Amino acid sequence: MVAPANGPAVETVRVERWRNGEVVQDHDLAAAEVPICLEFNGVSHAVMLASPTDLEDFALGFSLTEGIIERPRDLLEVEEQATCEGIVLRLTVAAASFHRLKQVRRTMAGRTGCGLCGAENLGQVFRPVPPVRASGTISAPALHAAFRDLGANQPLQRLTGATHAAGWALADGPLALIREDVGRHNALDKLIGALVRAGMDPGHGAAVVTSRASYEMVQKSAAVGIGILAAISAPTALAIRMADSLNVTLVGFARGGGHVLYAGSGRILAGVPS
């Protein structure tokens, strides 16, 4: 298991506990939720509310899945600056990437779990993403084992009960990476950034998430060539249509040793993969 980097992800808060008719003054741990401003070559592009951990992974994953950069080497530098309002990520990208960003630039104010806020027109919702060509497979037992491991390896969720997780399952089942965040899209971006930085092949393995599967999570997965996206809850109808069009295998309700396949048959095998 590859553990995520530690960071100031929790805050201690004062609470009143009601139990058996009695009130007890106590303390509890709450998940930190911080405004993260992403600047590209000095231009503010997005503000997302996120957990303040694994921010280099987040910067790279967001830049790739939003189509700001085409390849990891286009992100030249990441500088993190803490302010009284939140955290500023100052990203330096290649000139061609910045030119493309200026051509399609949108300003969005992100809320937890929201990746659409602030889009200026409908054409910005569905970015052109080529269909996935990945041929990698995973067996159903391996996929179910990955979800069991994911549930057992979420330290922020265990402490606070307020975060989502995204994990990378290898073809034979073990989880190689896990990232957590208060936002499900952010957790996936962090996972994708970690996956790319580790030099792992997104076409051989599966992204497993502790949330529903939205159209944007399918789009983000396809943008980097992930062929299998499996969620513990349901996908939306739009996510299913997008998975069909982008050749993404989309799995929902992956829990209790079972799952539902909504799109992209052929990558989930009944037995152990060869």
C-alpha atoms as a PDB file:
ATOM      1  CA  MET A   1       0.000   0.000   0.000  1.00  0.00           C
ATOM      2  CA  VAL A   2       1.284   3.459  -0.890  1.00  0.00           C
ATOM      3  CA  ALA A   3       0.168   5.899   1.804  1.00  0.00           C
ATOM      4  CA  PRO A   4      -0.863   9.462   0.934  1.00  0.00           C
ATOM      5  CA  ALA A   5       1.151  12.384   2.218  1.00  0.00           C
ATOM      6  CA  ASN A   6       0.110  13.714   5.601  1.00  0.00           C
ATOM      7  CA  GLY A   7      -1.172  17.249   6.018  1.00  0.00           C
ATOM      8  CA  PRO A   8      -3.411  19.507   8.135  1.00  0.00           C
ATOM      9  CA  ALA A   9      -6.505  17.640   7.052  1.00  0.00           C
ATOM     10  CA  VAL A  10      -8.463  17.747  10.334  1.00  0.00           C
ATOM     11  CA  GLU A  11      -9.421  20.396  12.864  1.00  0.00           C
ATOM     12  CA  THR A  12     -10.410  19.948  16.494  1.00  0.00           C
ATOM     13  CA  VAL A  13     -13.830  21.360  17.315  1.00  0.00           C
ATOM     14  CA  ARG A  14     -15.914  21.623  20.477  1.00  0.00           C
ATOM     15  CA  VAL A  15     -19.188  19.702  20.510  1.00  0.00           C
ATOM     16  CA  GLU A  16     -22.059  18.701  22.772  1.00  0.00           C
ATOM     17  CA  ARG A  17     -22.744  14.996  22.799  1.00  0.00           C
ATOM     18  CA  TRP A  18     -26.255  13.821  23.599  1.00  0.00           C
ATOM     19  CA  ARG A  19     -26.353  10.251  24.850  1.00  0.00           C
ATOM     20  CA  ASN A  20     -29.019   8.462  26.892  1.00  0.00           C
ATOM     21  CA  GLY A  21     -30.616  11.765  27.874  1.00  0.00           C
ATOM     22  CA  GLU A  22     -27.342  13.288  29.089  1.00  0.00           C
ATOM     23  CA  VAL A  23     -25.345  16.160  27.580  1.00  0.00           C
ATOM     24  CA  VAL A  24     -21.546  15.932  27.653  1.00  0.00           C
ATOM     25  CA  GLN A  25     -19.148  18.684  26.581  1.00  0.00           C
ATOM     26  CA  ASP A  26     -16.516  17.131  24.366  1.00  0.00           C
ATOM     27  CA  HIS A  27     -14.165  17.596  21.432  1.00  0.00           C
ATOM     28  CA  ASP A  28     -14.335  16.045  17.974  1.00  0.00           C
ATOM     29  CA  LEU A  29     -12.354  16.019  14.741  1.00  0.00           C
ATOM     30  CA  ALA A  30     -13.756  17.719  11.627  1.00  0.00           C
ATOM     31  CA  ALA A  31     -12.435  17.440   8.079  1.00  0.00           C
ATOM     32  CA  ALA A  32     -10.658  20.615   6.988  1.00  0.00           C
ATOM     33  CA  GLU A  33     -12.228  22.300   3.956  1.00  0.00           C
ATOM     34  CA  VAL A  34     -10.100  25.063   2.480  1.00  0.00           C
ATOM     35  CA  PRO A  35     -10.461  27.344  -0.563  1.00  0.00           C
ATOM     36  CA  ILE A  36      -7.763  26.344  -3.056  1.00  0.00           C
ATOM     37  CA  CYS A  37      -7.066  28.929  -5.740  1.00  0.00           C
ATOM     38  CA  LEU A  38      -5.353  27.600  -8.851  1.00  0.00           C
ATOM     39  CA  GLU A  39      -3.371  30.210 -10.754  1.00  0.00           C
ATOM     40  CA  PHE A  40      -1.834  29.449 -14.138  1.00  0.00           C
ATOM     41  CA  ASN A  41       1.078  31.665 -15.130  1.00  0.00           C
ATOM     42  CA  GLY A  42      -0.186  34.359 -12.791  1.00  0.00           C
ATOM     43  CA  VAL A  43      -3.835  34.205 -13.916  1.00  0.00           C
ATOM     44  CA  SER A  44      -6.451  32.974 -11.451  1.00  0.00           C
ATOM     45  CA  HIS A  45      -8.493  30.225 -13.102  1.00  0.00           C
ATOM     46  CA  ALA A  46     -10.448  28.304 -10.462  1.00  0.00           C
ATOM     47  CA  VAL A  47     -11.219  28.230  -6.761  1.00  0.00           C
ATOM     48  CA  MET A  48     -12.149  24.834  -5.355  1.00  0.00           C
ATOM     49  CA  LEU A  49     -13.041  23.889  -1.791  1.00  0.00           C
ATOM     50  CA  ALA A  50     -10.873  20.903  -0.975  1.00  0.00           C
ATOM     51  CA  SER A  51      -8.907  19.056   1.674  1.00  0.00           C
ATOM     52  CA  PRO A  52      -5.474  20.709   2.016  1.00  0.00           C
ATOM     53  CA  THR A  53      -3.500  17.511   1.351  1.00  0.00           C
ATOM     54  CA  ASP A  54      -1.664  16.077  -1.659  1.00  0.00           C
ATOM     55  CA  LEU A  55      -1.902  19.431  -3.416  1.00  0.00           C
ATOM     56  CA  GLU A  56       0.805  18.674  -5.995  1.00  0.00           C
ATOM     57  CA  ASP A  57      -1.202  15.629  -7.038  1.00  0.00           C
ATOM     58  CA  PHE A  58      -4.315  17.808  -7.170  1.00  0.00           C
ATOM     59  CA  ALA A  59      -2.581  20.457  -9.276  1.00  0.00           C
ATOM     60  CA  LEU A  60      -1.359  17.914 -11.820  1.00  0.00           C
ATOM     61  CA  GLY A  61      -4.572  15.900 -11.915  1.00  0.00           C
ATOM     62  CA  PHE A  62      -6.778  18.980 -12.285  1.00  0.00           C
ATOM     63  CA  SER A  63      -4.558  20.413 -15.013  1.00  0.00           C
ATOM     64  CA  LEU A  64      -4.716  17.168 -16.988  1.00  0.00           C
ATOM     65  CA  THR A  65      -8.396  16.341 -16.532  1.00  0.00           C
ATOM     66  CA  GLU A  66      -9.514  19.892 -17.300  1.00  0.00           C
ATOM     67  CA  GLY A  67      -7.509  19.847 -20.531  1.00  0.00           C
ATOM     68  CA  ILE A  68      -5.240  22.700 -19.484  1.00  0.00           C
ATOM     69  CA  ILE A  69      -2.121  20.647 -20.169  1.00  0.00           C
ATOM     70  CA  GLU A  70      -1.766  17.733 -22.562  1.00  0.00           C
ATOM     71  CA  ARG A  71       1.075  15.905 -20.826  1.00  0.00           C
ATOM     72  CA  PRO A  72       2.649  15.987 -17.343  1.00  0.00           C
ATOM     73  CA  ARG A  73       5.802  17.752 -18.510  1.00  0.00           C
ATOM     74  CA  ASP A  74       3.683  20.770 -19.529  1.00  0.00           C
ATOM     75  CA  LEU A  75       3.300  21.561 -15.826  1.00  0.00           C
ATOM     76  CA  LEU A  76       6.659  23.159 -15.123  1.00  0.00           C
ATOM     77  CA  GLU A  77       6.339  24.228 -11.497  1.00  0.00           C
ATOM     78  CA  VAL A  78       3.929  24.205  -8.557  1.00  0.00           C
ATOM     79  CA  GLU A  79       4.316  26.729  -5.762  1.00  0.00           C
ATOM     80  CA  GLU A  80       2.054  26.618  -2.725  1.00  0.00           C
ATOM     81  CA  GLN A  81       1.273  29.781  -0.772  1.00  0.00           C
ATOM     82  CA  ALA A  82      -0.839  29.867   2.384  1.00  0.00           C
ATOM     83  CA  THR A  83      -2.945  32.981   2.924  1.00  0.00           C
ATOM     84  CA  CYS A  84      -5.466  34.006   5.554  1.00  0.00           C
ATOM     85  CA  GLU A  85      -8.252  33.145   3.100  1.00  0.00           C
ATOM     86  CA  GLY A  86      -6.930  29.754   1.978  1.00  0.00           C
ATOM     87  CA  ILE A  87      -4.174  28.334  -0.224  1.00  0.00           C
ATOM     88  CA  VAL A  88      -2.952  29.611  -3.565  1.00  0.00           C
ATOM     89  CA  LEU A  89      -1.393  27.109  -5.954  1.00  0.00           C
ATOM     90  CA  ARG A  90       0.758  29.053  -8.390  1.00  0.00           C
ATOM     91  CA  LEU A  91       1.216  26.808 -11.416  1.00  0.00           C
ATOM     92  CA  THR A  92       3.641  27.511 -14.211  1.00  0.00           C
ATOM     93  CA  VAL A  93       2.700  25.791 -17.457  1.00  0.00           C
ATOM     94  CA  ALA A  94       4.299  25.666 -20.891  1.00  0.00           C
ATOM     95  CA  ALA A  95       3.571  28.562 -23.227  1.00  0.00           C
ATOM     96  CA  ALA A  96       1.425  26.450 -25.559  1.00  0.00           C
ATOM     97  CA  SER A  97      -0.720  25.255 -22.635  1.00  0.00           C
ATOM     98  CA  PHE A  98      -1.217  28.791 -21.371  1.00  0.00           C
ATOM     99  CA  HIS A  99      -2.180  29.993 -24.829  1.00  0.00           C
ATOM    100  CA  ARG A 100      -4.769  27.219 -25.080  1.00  0.00           C
ATOM    101  CA  LEU A 101      -6.073  28.058 -21.607  1.00  0.00           C
ATOM    102  CA  LYS A 102      -6.597  31.680 -22.581  1.00  0.00           C
ATOM    103  CA  GLN A 103      -8.562  30.610 -25.647  1.00  0.00           C
ATOM    104  CA  VAL A 104     -11.036  28.470 -23.712  1.00  0.00           C
ATOM    105  CA  ARG A 105     -10.725  30.076 -20.312  1.00  0.00           C
ATOM    106  CA  ARG A 106     -13.582  29.873 -17.922  1.00  0.00           C
ATOM    107  CA  THR A 107     -13.870  31.215 -14.397  1.00  0.00           C
ATOM    108  CA  MET A 108     -15.554  28.897 -11.938  1.00  0.00           C
ATOM    109  CA  ALA A 109     -16.218  29.086  -8.223  1.00  0.00           C
ATOM    110  CA  GLY A 110     -16.058  25.484  -7.083  1.00  0.00           C
ATOM    111  CA  ARG A 111     -18.068  24.102  -4.206  1.00  0.00           C
ATOM    112  CA  THR A 112     -17.600  20.754  -2.529  1.00  0.00           C
ATOM    113  CA  GLY A 113     -18.245  18.016  -5.061  1.00  0.00           C
ATOM    114  CA  CYS A 114     -19.093  20.519  -7.781  1.00  0.00           C
ATOM    115  CA  GLY A 115     -17.058  20.733 -10.944  1.00  0.00           C
ATOM    116  CA  LEU A 116     -19.475  22.702 -13.107  1.00  0.00           C
ATOM    117  CA  CYS A 117     -20.042  25.903 -11.175  1.00  0.00           C
ATOM    118  CA  GLY A 118     -19.252  28.996 -13.178  1.00  0.00           C
ATOM    119  CA  ALA A 119     -19.132  27.489 -16.659  1.00  0.00           C
ATOM    120  CA  GLU A 120     -20.020  30.332 -18.985  1.00  0.00           C
ATOM    121  CA  ASN A 121     -21.874  28.314 -21.640  1.00  0.00           C
ATOM    122  CA  LEU A 122     -23.081  24.800 -22.396  1.00  0.00           C
ATOM    123  CA  GLY A 123     -20.210  24.188 -24.789  1.00  0.00           C
ATOM    124  CA  GLN A 124     -17.843  24.266 -21.805  1.00  0.00           C
ATOM    125  CA  VAL A 125     -19.678  21.420 -20.072  1.00  0.00           C
ATOM    126  CA  PHE A 126     -18.792  18.707 -22.596  1.00  0.00           C
ATOM    127  CA  ARG A 127     -15.164  19.078 -23.600  1.00  0.00           C
ATOM    128  CA  PRO A 128     -13.981  17.089 -26.614  1.00  0.00           C
ATOM    129  CA  VAL A 129     -12.280  13.977 -25.203  1.00  0.00           C
ATOM    130  CA  PRO A 130     -11.225  11.086 -27.468  1.00  0.00           C
ATOM    131  CA  PRO A 131     -12.566   7.603 -26.685  1.00  0.00           C
ATOM    132  CA  VAL A 132     -10.388   5.478 -24.433  1.00  0.00           C
ATOM    133  CA  ARG A 133      -8.308   2.828 -26.182  1.00  0.00           C
ATOM    134  CA  ALA A 134      -7.237   0.941 -23.058  1.00  0.00           C
ATOM    135  CA  SER A 135      -7.521  -2.830 -23.273  1.00  0.00           C
ATOM    136  CA  GLY A 136      -6.635  -3.671 -19.675  1.00  0.00           C
ATOM    137  CA  THR A 137      -9.008  -5.844 -17.646  1.00  0.00           C
ATOM    138  CA  ILE A 138      -9.703  -6.648 -14.022  1.00  0.00           C
ATOM    139  CA  SER A 139     -11.515  -9.638 -12.557  1.00  0.00           C
ATOM    140  CA  ALA A 140     -14.708  -9.140 -10.589  1.00  0.00           C
ATOM    141  CA  PRO A 141     -13.197 -10.740  -7.451  1.00  0.00           C
ATOM    142  CA  ALA A 142     -10.182  -8.423  -7.712  1.00  0.00           C
ATOM    143  CA  LEU A 143     -12.440  -5.394  -8.096  1.00  0.00           C
ATOM    144  CA  HIS A 144     -14.467  -6.367  -5.041  1.00  0.00           C
ATOM    145  CA  ALA A 145     -11.269  -6.939  -3.049  1.00  0.00           C
ATOM    146  CA  ALA A 146     -10.099  -3.454  -4.028  1.00  0.00           C
ATOM    147  CA  PHE A 147     -13.280  -1.927  -2.623  1.00  0.00           C
ATOM    148  CA  ARG A 148     -12.862  -3.833   0.631  1.00  0.00           C
ATOM    149  CA  ASP A 149      -9.298  -2.521   0.910  1.00  0.00           C
ATOM    150  CA  LEU A 150     -10.434   0.986   0.029  1.00  0.00           C
ATOM    151  CA  GLY A 151     -12.969   0.957   2.842  1.00  0.00           C
ATOM    152  CA  ALA A 152     -10.302  -0.129   5.305  1.00  0.00           C
ATOM    153  CA  ASN A 153      -7.695   2.450   4.256  1.00  0.00           C
ATOM    154  CA  GLN A 154      -9.350   5.848   4.572  1.00  0.00           C
ATOM    155  CA  PRO A 155      -7.745   7.583   7.568  1.00  0.00           C
ATOM    156  CA  LEU A 156      -9.536  10.918   7.078  1.00  0.00           C
ATOM    157  CA  GLN A 157     -12.905   9.227   6.712  1.00  0.00           C
ATOM    158  CA  ARG A 158     -12.236   7.150   9.788  1.00  0.00           C
ATOM    159  CA  LEU A 159     -11.397  10.271  11.816  1.00  0.00           C
ATOM    160  CA  THR A 160     -14.109  12.579  10.506  1.00  0.00           C
ATOM    161  CA  GLY A 161     -16.750  10.663   8.525  1.00  0.00           C
ATOM    162  CA  ALA A 162     -16.758  13.502   5.978  1.00  0.00           C
ATOM    163  CA  THR A 163     -14.480  12.567   3.081  1.00  0.00           C
ATOM    164  CA  HIS A 164     -14.530  10.613  -0.161  1.00  0.00           C
ATOM    165  CA  ALA A 165     -11.731   8.412  -1.434  1.00  0.00           C
ATOM    166  CA  ALA A 166     -10.447   7.409  -4.851  1.00  0.00           C
ATOM    167  CA  GLY A 167      -8.127   4.449  -5.250  1.00  0.00           C
ATOM    168  CA  TRP A 168      -6.143   2.817  -8.029  1.00  0.00           C
ATOM    169  CA  ALA A 169      -6.620  -0.950  -8.227  1.00  0.00           C
ATOM    170  CA  LEU A 170      -4.087  -3.033 -10.093  1.00  0.00           C
ATOM    171  CA  ALA A 171      -5.300  -5.750 -12.442  1.00  0.00           C
ATOM    172  CA  ASP A 172      -4.871  -8.444  -9.802  1.00  0.00           C
ATOM    173  CA  GLY A 173      -6.694  -6.425  -7.135  1.00  0.00           C
ATOM    174  CA  PRO A 174      -4.256  -4.703  -4.743  1.00  0.00           C
ATOM    175  CA  LEU A 175      -4.690  -0.972  -4.246  1.00  0.00           C
ATOM    176  CA  ALA A 176      -1.552   0.890  -5.262  1.00  0.00           C
ATOM    177  CA  LEU A 177      -2.757   4.426  -4.468  1.00  0.00           C
ATOM    178  CA  ILE A 178      -5.456   6.084  -2.370  1.00  0.00           C
ATOM    179  CA  ARG A 179      -6.319   9.771  -2.140  1.00  0.00           C
ATOM    180  CA  GLU A 180      -8.992  11.385   0.036  1.00  0.00           C
ATOM    181  CA  ASP A 181     -10.815  14.700  -0.140  1.00  0.00           C
ATOM    182  CA  VAL A 182     -14.025  16.350   1.013  1.00  0.00           C
ATOM    183  CA  GLY A 183     -14.963  16.534  -2.675  1.00  0.00           C
ATOM    184  CA  ARG A 184     -15.346  13.404  -4.793  1.00  0.00           C
ATOM    185  CA  HIS A 185     -14.066  15.151  -7.942  1.00  0.00           C
ATOM    186  CA  ASN A 186     -11.072  16.454  -6.015  1.00  0.00           C
ATOM    187  CA  ALA A 187     -10.264  12.969  -4.710  1.00  0.00           C
ATOM    188  CA  LEU A 188     -10.272  11.663  -8.285  1.00  0.00           C
ATOM    189  CA  ASP A 189      -8.079  14.517  -9.510  1.00  0.00           C
ATOM    190  CA  LYS A 190      -5.615  13.824  -6.701  1.00  0.00           C
ATOM    191  CA  LEU A 191      -5.585  10.126  -7.582  1.00  0.00           C
ATOM    192  CA  ILE A 192      -4.970  10.885 -11.254  1.00  0.00           C
ATOM    193  CA  GLY A 193      -2.143  13.254 -10.373  1.00  0.00           C
ATOM    194  CA  ALA A 194      -0.556  10.627  -8.123  1.00  0.00           C
ATOM    195  CA  LEU A 195      -1.031   7.941 -10.796  1.00  0.00           C
ATOM    196  CA  VAL A 196       0.698  10.018 -13.460  1.00  0.00           C
ATOM    197  CA  ARG A 197       3.510  11.142 -11.154  1.00  0.00           C
ATOM    198  CA  ALA A 198       4.156   7.487 -10.239  1.00  0.00           C
ATOM    199  CA  GLY A 199       4.496   6.605 -13.921  1.00  0.00           C
ATOM    200  CA  MET A 200       1.707   4.027 -13.751  1.00  0.00           C
ATOM    201  CA  ASP A 201      -0.298   3.044 -16.830  1.00  0.00           C
ATOM    202  CA  PRO A 202      -3.896   4.353 -16.584  1.00  0.00           C
ATOM    203  CA  GLY A 203      -4.948   1.784 -19.168  1.00  0.00           C
ATOM    204  CA  HIS A 204      -4.169  -1.188 -16.910  1.00  0.00           C
ATOM    205  CA  GLY A 205      -6.099  -1.042 -13.678  1.00  0.00           C
ATOM    206  CA  ALA A 206      -9.272   0.551 -12.348  1.00  0.00           C
ATOM    207  CA  ALA A 207     -10.210   3.758 -10.574  1.00  0.00           C
ATOM    208  CA  VAL A 208     -12.465   2.935  -7.602  1.00  0.00           C
ATOM    209  CA  VAL A 209     -14.389   5.678  -5.819  1.00  0.00           C
ATOM    210  CA  THR A 210     -16.519   5.919  -2.670  1.00  0.00           C
ATOM    211  CA  SER A 211     -19.246   8.036  -4.233  1.00  0.00           C
ATOM    212  CA  ARG A 212     -21.721   8.129  -7.072  1.00  0.00           C
ATOM    213  CA  ALA A 213     -20.314   8.426 -10.582  1.00  0.00           C
ATOM    214  CA  SER A 214     -21.116  11.701 -12.339  1.00  0.00           C
ATOM    215  CA  TYR A 215     -20.559  12.596 -15.976  1.00  0.00           C
ATOM    216  CA  GLU A 216     -17.548  14.692 -14.998  1.00  0.00           C
ATOM    217  CA  MET A 217     -15.852  11.799 -13.235  1.00  0.00           C
ATOM    218  CA  VAL A 218     -16.246   9.752 -16.417  1.00  0.00           C
ATOM    219  CA  GLN A 219     -14.893  12.653 -18.459  1.00  0.00           C
ATOM    220  CA  LYS A 220     -11.915  13.131 -16.140  1.00  0.00           C
ATOM    221  CA  SER A 221     -11.115   9.409 -16.289  1.00  0.00           C
ATOM    222  CA  ALA A 222     -11.314   9.308 -20.074  1.00  0.00           C
ATOM    223  CA  ALA A 223      -9.158  12.411 -20.401  1.00  0.00           C
ATOM    224  CA  VAL A 224      -6.145  10.487 -19.075  1.00  0.00           C
ATOM    225  CA  GLY A 225      -6.970   7.112 -20.624  1.00  0.00           C
ATOM    226  CA  ILE A 226      -8.518   5.325 -17.634  1.00  0.00           C
ATOM    227  CA  GLY A 227     -10.619   2.488 -19.028  1.00  0.00           C
ATOM    228  CA  ILE A 228     -12.433   1.359 -15.864  1.00  0.00           C
ATOM    229  CA  LEU A 229     -14.264   3.583 -13.365  1.00  0.00           C
ATOM    230  CA  ALA A 230     -16.063   1.787 -10.544  1.00  0.00           C
ATOM    231  CA  ALA A 231     -18.217   3.521  -7.950  1.00  0.00           C
ATOM    232  CA  ILE A 232     -19.696   2.319  -4.705  1.00  0.00           C
ATOM    233  CA  SER A 233     -22.956   4.125  -5.519  1.00  0.00           C
ATOM    234  CA  ALA A 234     -24.981   4.760  -8.654  1.00  0.00           C
ATOM    235  CA  PRO A 235     -23.967   6.569 -11.839  1.00  0.00           C
ATOM    236  CA  THR A 236     -26.171   9.235 -13.378  1.00  0.00           C
ATOM    237  CA  ALA A 237     -27.876   8.683 -16.723  1.00  0.00           C
ATOM    238  CA  LEU A 238     -25.595  11.292 -18.291  1.00  0.00           C
ATOM    239  CA  ALA A 239     -22.539   9.503 -16.908  1.00  0.00           C
ATOM    240  CA  ILE A 240     -23.728   6.250 -18.496  1.00  0.00           C
ATOM    241  CA  ARG A 241     -24.234   7.885 -21.904  1.00  0.00           C
ATOM    242  CA  MET A 242     -20.836   9.553 -21.686  1.00  0.00           C
ATOM    243  CA  ALA A 243     -19.145   6.286 -20.689  1.00  0.00           C
ATOM    244  CA  ASP A 244     -20.739   4.608 -23.709  1.00  0.00           C
ATOM    245  CA  SER A 245     -19.500   7.322 -26.058  1.00  0.00           C
ATOM    246  CA  LEU A 246     -15.984   7.428 -24.568  1.00  0.00           C
ATOM    247  CA  ASN A 247     -15.491   3.644 -24.314  1.00  0.00           C
ATOM    248  CA  VAL A 248     -15.190   3.735 -20.526  1.00  0.00           C
ATOM    249  CA  THR A 249     -16.244   0.707 -18.512  1.00  0.00           C
ATOM    250  CA  LEU A 250     -18.578   2.123 -15.866  1.00  0.00           C
ATOM    251  CA  VAL A 251     -19.466   0.100 -12.773  1.00  0.00           C
ATOM    252  CA  GLY A 252     -21.878   1.125 -10.017  1.00  0.00           C
ATOM    253  CA  PHE A 253     -23.087  -0.295  -6.713  1.00  0.00           C
ATOM    254  CA  ALA A 254     -19.775  -2.103  -6.166  1.00  0.00           C
ATOM    255  CA  ARG A 255     -20.429  -3.337  -2.674  1.00  0.00           C
ATOM    256  CA  GLY A 256     -21.069  -6.545  -0.771  1.00  0.00           C
ATOM    257  CA  GLY A 257     -19.289  -8.682  -3.337  1.00  0.00           C
ATOM    258  CA  GLY A 258     -21.481  -7.546  -6.223  1.00  0.00           C
ATOM    259  CA  HIS A 259     -21.708  -4.761  -8.801  1.00  0.00           C
ATOM    260  CA  VAL A 260     -23.750  -3.463 -11.715  1.00  0.00           C
ATOM    261  CA  LEU A 261     -22.138  -2.923 -15.126  1.00  0.00           C
ATOM    262  CA  TYR A 262     -23.613   0.101 -16.902  1.00  0.00           C
ATOM    263  CA  ALA A 263     -21.273   0.576 -19.865  1.00  0.00           C
ATOM    264  CA  GLY A 264     -18.222  -0.927 -21.522  1.00  0.00           C
ATOM    265  CA  SER A 265     -18.519  -4.686 -21.190  1.00  0.00           C
ATOM    266  CA  GLY A 266     -15.421  -6.788 -21.755  1.00  0.00           C
ATOM    267  CA  ARG A 267     -13.029  -5.275 -19.234  1.00  0.00           C
ATOM    268  CA  ILE A 268     -14.578  -6.913 -16.145  1.00  0.00           C
ATOM    269  CA  LEU A 269     -13.799 -10.631 -16.128  1.00  0.00           C
ATOM    270  CA  ALA A 270     -15.652 -13.286 -14.167  1.00  0.00           C
ATOM    271  CA  GLY A 271     -12.506 -15.007 -12.903  1.00  0.00           C
ATOM    272  CA  VAL A 272      -8.856 -14.227 -12.303  1.00  0.00           C
ATOM    273  CA  PRO A 273      -7.299 -12.228 -15.181  1.00  0.00           C
ATOM    274  CA  SER A 274      -4.767 -14.073 -17.329  1.00  0.00           C
END
